[in-house]
Amino acid sequence: MAMNLRLDPSLEEALGREAARSGRSKTAIISQALTDALDKADPDHPAEQQPLVPYAPYRMVYPRLELPEGVTSADLINEQREERLW
């Protein structure tokens, strides 16, 4: 289920720092916090949360690919699509 969440600026900043520190997505952090809160509220009926894909933290990749001037990632994607059509 998708939903919107409004956070105070200080909480949003703290969430961003934790995501960068831990390598987890903001969504994963919020989801785990909500699961923990629900478990504490009713320990006899814990919130079930089974990830659809195994957890793999986000990592920066180096070296980063530098595209030539005037070329966008959309251009590269469209090239691949056109090759598959022919």
PDB file of N, CA and C in Angstrom:
ATOM      1  N   MET A   1       0.848  -1.170   0.000  1.00  0.00           N
ATOM      2  CA  MET A   1       0.000   0.000   0.000  1.00  0.00           C
ATOM      3  C   MET A   1       0.888   1.225   0.000  1.00  0.00           C
ATOM      4  N   ALA A   2       0.620   2.139  -0.864  1.00  0.00           N
ATOM      5  CA  ALA A   2       1.354   3.399  -0.904  1.00  0.00           C
ATOM      6  C   ALA A   2       0.599   4.437  -0.092  1.00  0.00           C
ATOM      7  N   MET A   3       1.348   5.298   0.592  1.00  0.00           N
ATOM      8  CA  MET A   3       0.708   6.360   1.356  1.00  0.00           C
ATOM      9  C   MET A   3       1.656   7.541   1.475  1.00  0.00           C
ATOM     10  N   ASN A   4       1.098   8.698   1.756  1.00  0.00           N
ATOM     11  CA  ASN A   4       1.892   9.901   1.976  1.00  0.00           C
ATOM     12  C   ASN A   4       2.136  10.061   3.461  1.00  0.00           C
ATOM     13  N   LEU A   5       3.292  10.588   3.814  1.00  0.00           N
ATOM     14  CA  LEU A   5       3.652  10.802   5.205  1.00  0.00           C
ATOM     15  C   LEU A   5       4.284  12.181   5.313  1.00  0.00           C
ATOM     16  N   ARG A   6       3.739  13.019   6.168  1.00  0.00           N
ATOM     17  CA  ARG A   6       4.302  14.351   6.379  1.00  0.00           C
ATOM     18  C   ARG A   6       5.123  14.330   7.655  1.00  0.00           C
ATOM     19  N   LEU A   7       6.376  14.750   7.555  1.00  0.00           N
ATOM     20  CA  LEU A   7       7.283  14.764   8.689  1.00  0.00           C
ATOM     21  C   LEU A   7       7.738  16.181   8.984  1.00  0.00           C
ATOM     22  N   ASP A   8       8.018  16.440  10.253  1.00  0.00           N
ATOM     23  CA  ASP A   8       8.650  17.709  10.615  1.00  0.00           C
ATOM     24  C   ASP A   8      10.024  17.747   9.937  1.00  0.00           C
ATOM     25  N   PRO A   9      10.498  18.934   9.577  1.00  0.00           N
ATOM     26  CA  PRO A   9      11.802  19.017   8.908  1.00  0.00           C
ATOM     27  C   PRO A   9      12.936  18.358   9.698  1.00  0.00           C
ATOM     28  N   SER A  10      12.930  18.505  11.022  1.00  0.00           N
ATOM     29  CA  SER A  10      14.005  17.913  11.815  1.00  0.00           C
ATOM     30  C   SER A  10      13.935  16.385  11.770  1.00  0.00           C
ATOM     31  N   LEU A  11      12.731  15.832  11.778  1.00  0.00           N
ATOM     32  CA  LEU A  11      12.563  14.381  11.699  1.00  0.00           C
ATOM     33  C   LEU A  11      12.951  13.877  10.313  1.00  0.00           C
ATOM     34  N   GLU A  12      12.593  14.628   9.296  1.00  0.00           N
ATOM     35  CA  GLU A  12      12.966  14.252   7.927  1.00  0.00           C
ATOM     36  C   GLU A  12      14.489  14.236   7.772  1.00  0.00           C
ATOM     37  N   GLU A  13      15.153  15.229   8.355  1.00  0.00           N
ATOM     38  CA  GLU A  13      16.608  15.301   8.289  1.00  0.00           C
ATOM     39  C   GLU A  13      17.244  14.115   9.029  1.00  0.00           C
ATOM     40  N   ALA A  14      16.717  13.805  10.214  1.00  0.00           N
ATOM     41  CA  ALA A  14      17.237  12.678  10.987  1.00  0.00           C
ATOM     42  C   ALA A  14      17.032  11.363  10.230  1.00  0.00           C
ATOM     43  N   LEU A  15      15.902  11.222   9.577  1.00  0.00           N
ATOM     44  CA  LEU A  15      15.623  10.021   8.790  1.00  0.00           C
ATOM     45  C   LEU A  15      16.621   9.888   7.641  1.00  0.00           C
ATOM     46  N   GLY A  16      16.903  10.992   6.977  1.00  0.00           N
ATOM     47  CA  GLY A  16      17.874  10.979   5.885  1.00  0.00           C
ATOM     48  C   GLY A  16      19.268  10.598   6.360  1.00  0.00           C
ATOM     49  N   ARG A  17      19.665  11.118   7.523  1.00  0.00           N
ATOM     50  CA  ARG A  17      20.979  10.780   8.079  1.00  0.00           C
ATOM     51  C   ARG A  17      21.061   9.289   8.417  1.00  0.00           C
ATOM     52  N   GLU A  18      19.994   8.758   9.012  1.00  0.00           N
ATOM     53  CA  GLU A  18      19.994   7.337   9.368  1.00  0.00           C
ATOM     54  C   GLU A  18      20.011   6.460   8.122  1.00  0.00           C
ATOM     55  N   ALA A  19      19.296   6.860   7.088  1.00  0.00           N
ATOM     56  CA  ALA A  19      19.299   6.092   5.835  1.00  0.00           C
ATOM     57  C   ALA A  19      20.706   6.066   5.236  1.00  0.00           C
ATOM     58  N   ALA A  20      21.370   7.209   5.233  1.00  0.00           N
ATOM     59  CA  ALA A  20      22.728   7.274   4.687  1.00  0.00           C
ATOM     60  C   ALA A  20      23.703   6.469   5.552  1.00  0.00           C
ATOM     61  N   ARG A  21      23.544   6.555   6.867  1.00  0.00           N
ATOM     62  CA  ARG A  21      24.448   5.859   7.782  1.00  0.00           C
ATOM     63  C   ARG A  21      24.297   4.346   7.680  1.00  0.00           C
ATOM     64  N   SER A  22      23.055   3.891   7.615  1.00  0.00           N
ATOM     65  CA  SER A  22      22.787   2.452   7.669  1.00  0.00           C
ATOM     66  C   SER A  22      22.756   1.779   6.300  1.00  0.00           C
ATOM     67  N   GLY A  23      22.624   2.570   5.237  1.00  0.00           N
ATOM     68  CA  GLY A  23      22.501   1.981   3.900  1.00  0.00           C
ATOM     69  C   GLY A  23      21.113   1.428   3.630  1.00  0.00           C
ATOM     70  N   ARG A  24      20.163   1.735   4.501  1.00  0.00           N
ATOM     71  CA  ARG A  24      18.782   1.281   4.323  1.00  0.00           C
ATOM     72  C   ARG A  24      17.968   2.405   3.707  1.00  0.00           C
ATOM     73  N   SER A  25      16.882   2.053   3.043  1.00  0.00           N
ATOM     74  CA  SER A  25      16.015   3.076   2.472  1.00  0.00           C
ATOM     75  C   SER A  25      15.189   3.729   3.586  1.00  0.00           C
ATOM     76  N   LYS A  26      14.728   4.937   3.324  1.00  0.00           N
ATOM     77  CA  LYS A  26      13.856   5.617   4.281  1.00  0.00           C
ATOM     78  C   LYS A  26      12.589   4.797   4.517  1.00  0.00           C
ATOM     79  N   THR A  27      12.068   4.197   3.453  1.00  0.00           N
ATOM     80  CA  THR A  27      10.866   3.374   3.575  1.00  0.00           C
ATOM     81  C   THR A  27      11.105   2.194   4.507  1.00  0.00           C
ATOM     82  N   ALA A  28      12.253   1.540   4.374  1.00  0.00           N
ATOM     83  CA  ALA A  28      12.558   0.388   5.228  1.00  0.00           C
ATOM     84  C   ALA A  28      12.665   0.805   6.689  1.00  0.00           C
ATOM     85  N   ILE A  29      13.268   1.948   6.953  1.00  0.00           N
ATOM     86  CA  ILE A  29      13.417   2.429   8.326  1.00  0.00           C
ATOM     87  C   ILE A  29      12.052   2.741   8.928  1.00  0.00           C
ATOM     88  N   ILE A  30      11.209   3.448   8.177  1.00  0.00           N
ATOM     89  CA  ILE A  30       9.874   3.793   8.670  1.00  0.00           C
ATOM     90  C   ILE A  30       9.039   2.539   8.868  1.00  0.00           C
ATOM     91  N   SER A  31       9.116   1.604   7.938  1.00  0.00           N
ATOM     92  CA  SER A  31       8.344   0.368   8.036  1.00  0.00           C
ATOM     93  C   SER A  31       8.749  -0.425   9.280  1.00  0.00           C
ATOM     94  N   GLN A  32      10.059  -0.517   9.544  1.00  0.00           N
ATOM     95  CA  GLN A  32      10.526  -1.244  10.725  1.00  0.00           C
ATOM     96  C   GLN A  32      10.086  -0.543  12.006  1.00  0.00           C
ATOM     97  N   ALA A  33      10.147   0.789  12.030  1.00  0.00           N
ATOM     98  CA  ALA A  33       9.719   1.542  13.212  1.00  0.00           C
ATOM     99  C   ALA A  33       8.230   1.328  13.477  1.00  0.00           C
ATOM    100  N   LEU A  34       7.431   1.313  12.426  1.00  0.00           N
ATOM    101  CA  LEU A  34       5.995   1.092  12.579  1.00  0.00           C
ATOM    102  C   LEU A  34       5.719  -0.336  13.067  1.00  0.00           C
ATOM    103  N   THR A  35       6.433  -1.300  12.510  1.00  0.00           N
ATOM    104  CA  THR A  35       6.288  -2.688  12.950  1.00  0.00           C
ATOM    105  C   THR A  35       6.642  -2.817  14.431  1.00  0.00           C
ATOM    106  N   ASP A  36       7.746  -2.204  14.839  1.00  0.00           N
ATOM    107  CA  ASP A  36       8.159  -2.253  16.244  1.00  0.00           C
ATOM    108  C   ASP A  36       7.105  -1.621  17.144  1.00  0.00           C
ATOM    109  N   ALA A  37       6.554  -0.486  16.738  1.00  0.00           N
ATOM    110  CA  ALA A  37       5.536   0.198  17.540  1.00  0.00           C
ATOM    111  C   ALA A  37       4.277  -0.656  17.660  1.00  0.00           C
ATOM    112  N   LEU A  38       3.865  -1.304  16.585  1.00  0.00           N
ATOM    113  CA  LEU A  38       2.677  -2.158  16.620  1.00  0.00           C
ATOM    114  C   LEU A  38       2.920  -3.404  17.470  1.00  0.00           C
ATOM    115  N   ASP A  39       4.125  -3.942  17.403  1.00  0.00           N
ATOM    116  CA  ASP A  39       4.463  -5.097  18.238  1.00  0.00           C
ATOM    117  C   ASP A  39       4.381  -4.738  19.724  1.00  0.00           C
ATOM    118  N   LYS A  40       4.846  -3.547  20.075  1.00  0.00           N
ATOM    119  CA  LYS A  40       4.795  -3.103  21.476  1.00  0.00           C
ATOM    120  C   LYS A  40       3.357  -2.852  21.913  1.00  0.00           C
ATOM    121  N   ALA A  41       2.541  -2.347  21.000  1.00  0.00           N
ATOM    122  CA  ALA A  41       1.150  -2.037  21.335  1.00  0.00           C
ATOM    123  C   ALA A  41       0.341  -3.295  21.599  1.00  0.00           C
ATOM    124  N   ASP A  42       0.612  -4.365  20.860  1.00  0.00           N
ATOM    125  CA  ASP A  42      -0.132  -5.616  21.020  1.00  0.00           C
ATOM    126  C   ASP A  42       0.814  -6.790  20.785  1.00  0.00           C
ATOM    127  N   PRO A  43       1.609  -7.169  21.805  1.00  0.00           N
ATOM    128  CA  PRO A  43       2.613  -8.223  21.613  1.00  0.00           C
ATOM    129  C   PRO A  43       2.022  -9.586  21.267  1.00  0.00           C
ATOM    130  N   ASP A  44       0.729  -9.822  21.553  1.00  0.00           N
ATOM    131  CA  ASP A  44       0.117 -11.105  21.212  1.00  0.00           C
ATOM    132  C   ASP A  44      -0.184 -11.236  19.730  1.00  0.00           C
ATOM    133  N   HIS A  45      -0.231 -10.127  19.037  1.00  0.00           N
ATOM    134  CA  HIS A  45      -0.522 -10.121  17.606  1.00  0.00           C
ATOM    135  C   HIS A  45       0.499  -9.245  16.888  1.00  0.00           C
ATOM    136  N   PRO A  46       1.729  -9.748  16.727  1.00  0.00           N
ATOM    137  CA  PRO A  46       2.752  -8.919  16.090  1.00  0.00           C
ATOM    138  C   PRO A  46       2.417  -8.630  14.625  1.00  0.00           C
ATOM    139  N   ALA A  47       2.839  -7.481  14.202  1.00  0.00           N
ATOM    140  CA  ALA A  47       2.635  -7.113  12.794  1.00  0.00           C
ATOM    141  C   ALA A  47       3.540  -7.994  11.937  1.00  0.00           C
ATOM    142  N   GLU A  48       2.963  -8.641  10.953  1.00  0.00           N
ATOM    143  CA  GLU A  48       3.748  -9.497  10.076  1.00  0.00           C
ATOM    144  C   GLU A  48       4.294  -8.662   8.936  1.00  0.00           C
ATOM    145  N   GLN A  49       5.582  -8.801   8.737  1.00  0.00           N
ATOM    146  CA  GLN A  49       6.205  -8.063   7.649  1.00  0.00           C
ATOM    147  C   GLN A  49       7.240  -8.964   6.988  1.00  0.00           C
ATOM    148  N   GLN A  50       6.896  -9.498   5.861  1.00  0.00           N
ATOM    149  CA  GLN A  50       7.801 -10.346   5.112  1.00  0.00           C
ATOM    150  C   GLN A  50       8.241  -9.587   3.875  1.00  0.00           C
ATOM    151  N   PRO A  51       9.541  -9.299   3.752  1.00  0.00           N
ATOM    152  CA  PRO A  51       9.990  -8.567   2.569  1.00  0.00           C
ATOM    153  C   PRO A  51       9.773  -9.386   1.302  1.00  0.00           C
ATOM    154  N   LEU A  52       9.410  -8.710   0.235  1.00  0.00           N
ATOM    155  CA  LEU A  52       9.203  -9.389  -1.042  1.00  0.00           C
ATOM    156  C   LEU A  52      10.519  -9.792  -1.684  1.00  0.00           C
ATOM    157  N   VAL A  53      11.555  -9.028  -1.410  1.00  0.00           N
ATOM    158  CA  VAL A  53      12.892  -9.342  -1.913  1.00  0.00           C
ATOM    159  C   VAL A  53      13.857  -9.298  -0.742  1.00  0.00           C
ATOM    160  N   PRO A  54      14.929 -10.058  -0.801  1.00  0.00           N
ATOM    161  CA  PRO A  54      15.891 -10.027   0.294  1.00  0.00           C
ATOM    162  C   PRO A  54      16.472  -8.624   0.476  1.00  0.00           C
ATOM    163  N   TYR A  55      16.770  -8.291   1.714  1.00  0.00           N
ATOM    164  CA  TYR A  55      17.322  -6.975   2.013  1.00  0.00           C
ATOM    165  C   TYR A  55      18.718  -6.848   1.430  1.00  0.00           C
ATOM    166  N   ALA A  56      18.936  -5.809   0.678  1.00  0.00           N
ATOM    167  CA  ALA A  56      20.263  -5.498   0.144  1.00  0.00           C
ATOM    168  C   ALA A  56      20.444  -3.992   0.290  1.00  0.00           C
ATOM    169  N   PRO A  57      21.353  -3.563   1.154  1.00  0.00           N
ATOM    170  CA  PRO A  57      21.507  -2.132   1.386  1.00  0.00           C
ATOM    171  C   PRO A  57      21.995  -1.409   0.138  1.00  0.00           C
ATOM    172  N   TYR A  58      21.602  -0.157   0.034  1.00  0.00           N
ATOM    173  CA  TYR A  58      22.047   0.688  -1.067  1.00  0.00           C
ATOM    174  C   TYR A  58      23.519   1.012  -0.853  1.00  0.00           C
ATOM    175  N   ARG A  59      24.288   0.898  -1.892  1.00  0.00           N
ATOM    176  CA  ARG A  59      25.702   1.256  -1.806  1.00  0.00           C
ATOM    177  C   ARG A  59      26.062   2.149  -2.975  1.00  0.00           C
ATOM    178  N   MET A  60      26.900   3.132  -2.702  1.00  0.00           N
ATOM    179  CA  MET A  60      27.405   3.969  -3.776  1.00  0.00           C
ATOM    180  C   MET A  60      28.380   3.132  -4.599  1.00  0.00           C
ATOM    181  N   VAL A  61      28.326   3.266  -5.904  1.00  0.00           N
ATOM    182  CA  VAL A  61      29.195   2.509  -6.793  1.00  0.00           C
ATOM    183  C   VAL A  61      30.254   3.451  -7.342  1.00  0.00           C
ATOM    184  N   TYR A  62      31.487   3.026  -7.244  1.00  0.00           N
ATOM    185  CA  TYR A  62      32.602   3.822  -7.768  1.00  0.00           C
ATOM    186  C   TYR A  62      33.420   2.936  -8.678  1.00  0.00           C
ATOM    187  N   PRO A  63      33.924   3.375  -9.771  1.00  0.00           N
ATOM    188  CA  PRO A  63      33.759   4.731 -10.281  1.00  0.00           C
ATOM    189  C   PRO A  63      32.379   4.908 -10.892  1.00  0.00           C
ATOM    190  N   ARG A  64      31.904   6.112 -10.809  1.00  0.00           N
ATOM    191  CA  ARG A  64      30.601   6.424 -11.392  1.00  0.00           C
ATOM    192  C   ARG A  64      30.759   6.643 -12.885  1.00  0.00           C
ATOM    193  N   LEU A  65      29.740   6.284 -13.632  1.00  0.00           N
ATOM    194  CA  LEU A  65      29.747   6.449 -15.076  1.00  0.00           C
ATOM    195  C   LEU A  65      29.467   7.911 -15.400  1.00  0.00           C
ATOM    196  N   GLU A  66      30.322   8.488 -16.166  1.00  0.00           N
ATOM    197  CA  GLU A  66      30.120   9.864 -16.623  1.00  0.00           C
ATOM    198  C   GLU A  66      29.666   9.809 -18.082  1.00  0.00           C
ATOM    199  N   LEU A  67      28.495  10.318 -18.361  1.00  0.00           N
ATOM    200  CA  LEU A  67      27.969  10.324 -19.722  1.00  0.00           C
ATOM    201  C   LEU A  67      28.558  11.485 -20.505  1.00  0.00           C
ATOM    202  N   PRO A  68      28.744  11.285 -21.797  1.00  0.00           N
ATOM    203  CA  PRO A  68      29.226  12.398 -22.621  1.00  0.00           C
ATOM    204  C   PRO A  68      28.216  13.542 -22.583  1.00  0.00           C
ATOM    205  N   GLU A  69      28.700  14.745 -22.795  1.00  0.00           N
ATOM    206  CA  GLU A  69      27.819  15.904 -22.784  1.00  0.00           C
ATOM    207  C   GLU A  69      26.744  15.754 -23.850  1.00  0.00           C
ATOM    208  N   GLY A  70      25.515  16.034 -23.469  1.00  0.00           N
ATOM    209  CA  GLY A  70      24.393  15.935 -24.391  1.00  0.00           C
ATOM    210  C   GLY A  70      23.725  14.568 -24.405  1.00  0.00           C
ATOM    211  N   VAL A  71      24.289  13.572 -23.702  1.00  0.00           N
ATOM    212  CA  VAL A  71      23.710  12.237 -23.638  1.00  0.00           C
ATOM    213  C   VAL A  71      23.079  12.057 -22.258  1.00  0.00           C
ATOM    214  N   THR A  72      21.836  11.577 -22.236  1.00  0.00           N
ATOM    215  CA  THR A  72      21.151  11.346 -20.969  1.00  0.00           C
ATOM    216  C   THR A  72      20.919   9.847 -20.775  1.00  0.00           C
ATOM    217  N   SER A  73      20.591   9.467 -19.560  1.00  0.00           N
ATOM    218  CA  SER A  73      20.297   8.057 -19.305  1.00  0.00           C
ATOM    219  C   SER A  73      19.058   7.626 -20.097  1.00  0.00           C
ATOM    220  N   ALA A  74      18.128   8.540 -20.313  1.00  0.00           N
ATOM    221  CA  ALA A  74      16.943   8.222 -21.121  1.00  0.00           C
ATOM    222  C   ALA A  74      17.351   7.875 -22.559  1.00  0.00           C
ATOM    223  N   ASP A  75      18.358   8.569 -23.081  1.00  0.00           N
ATOM    224  CA  ASP A  75      18.853   8.250 -24.431  1.00  0.00           C
ATOM    225  C   ASP A  75      19.367   6.819 -24.487  1.00  0.00           C
ATOM    226  N   LEU A  76      20.108   6.409 -23.456  1.00  0.00           N
ATOM    227  CA  LEU A  76      20.659   5.054 -23.428  1.00  0.00           C
ATOM    228  C   LEU A  76      19.552   4.013 -23.338  1.00  0.00           C
ATOM    229  N   ILE A  77      18.545   4.301 -22.527  1.00  0.00           N
ATOM    230  CA  ILE A  77      17.418   3.368 -22.385  1.00  0.00           C
ATOM    231  C   ILE A  77      16.671   3.235 -23.706  1.00  0.00           C
ATOM    232  N   ASN A  78      16.437   4.357 -24.365  1.00  0.00           N
ATOM    233  CA  ASN A  78      15.726   4.325 -25.643  1.00  0.00           C
ATOM    234  C   ASN A  78      16.517   3.565 -26.703  1.00  0.00           C
ATOM    235  N   GLU A  79      17.858   3.685 -26.679  1.00  0.00           N
ATOM    236  CA  GLU A  79      18.682   2.918 -27.620  1.00  0.00           C
ATOM    237  C   GLU A  79      18.468   1.429 -27.421  1.00  0.00           C
ATOM    238  N   GLN A  80      18.448   0.993 -26.166  1.00  0.00           N
ATOM    239  CA  GLN A  80      18.249  -0.426 -25.869  1.00  0.00           C
ATOM    240  C   GLN A  80      16.878  -0.895 -26.334  1.00  0.00           C
ATOM    241  N   ARG A  81      15.876  -0.062 -26.137  1.00  0.00           N
ATOM    242  CA  ARG A  81      14.526  -0.426 -26.577  1.00  0.00           C
ATOM    243  C   ARG A  81      14.460  -0.583 -28.082  1.00  0.00           C
ATOM    244  N   GLU A  82      15.087   0.355 -28.792  1.00  0.00           N
ATOM    245  CA  GLU A  82      15.061   0.309 -30.248  1.00  0.00           C
ATOM    246  C   GLU A  82      15.784  -0.937 -30.772  1.00  0.00           C
ATOM    247  N   GLU A  83      16.902  -1.328 -30.106  1.00  0.00           N
ATOM    248  CA  GLU A  83      17.629  -2.515 -30.538  1.00  0.00           C
ATOM    249  C   GLU A  83      16.786  -3.771 -30.370  1.00  0.00           C
ATOM    250  N   ARG A  84      15.967  -3.807 -29.329  1.00  0.00           N
ATOM    251  CA  ARG A  84      15.127  -4.990 -29.099  1.00  0.00           C
ATOM    252  C   ARG A  84      13.979  -5.079 -30.089  1.00  0.00           C
ATOM    253  N   LEU A  85      13.580  -3.940 -30.634  1.00  0.00           N
ATOM    254  CA  LEU A  85      12.465  -3.945 -31.582  1.00  0.00           C
ATOM    255  C   LEU A  85      12.876  -4.465 -32.954  1.00  0.00           C
ATOM    256  N   TRP A  86      14.134  -4.387 -33.281  1.00  0.00           N
ATOM    257  CA  TRP A  86      14.566  -4.781 -34.620  1.00  0.00           C
ATOM    258  C   TRP A  86      15.147  -6.122 -34.599  1.00  0.00           C
TER     259      TRP A  86
END
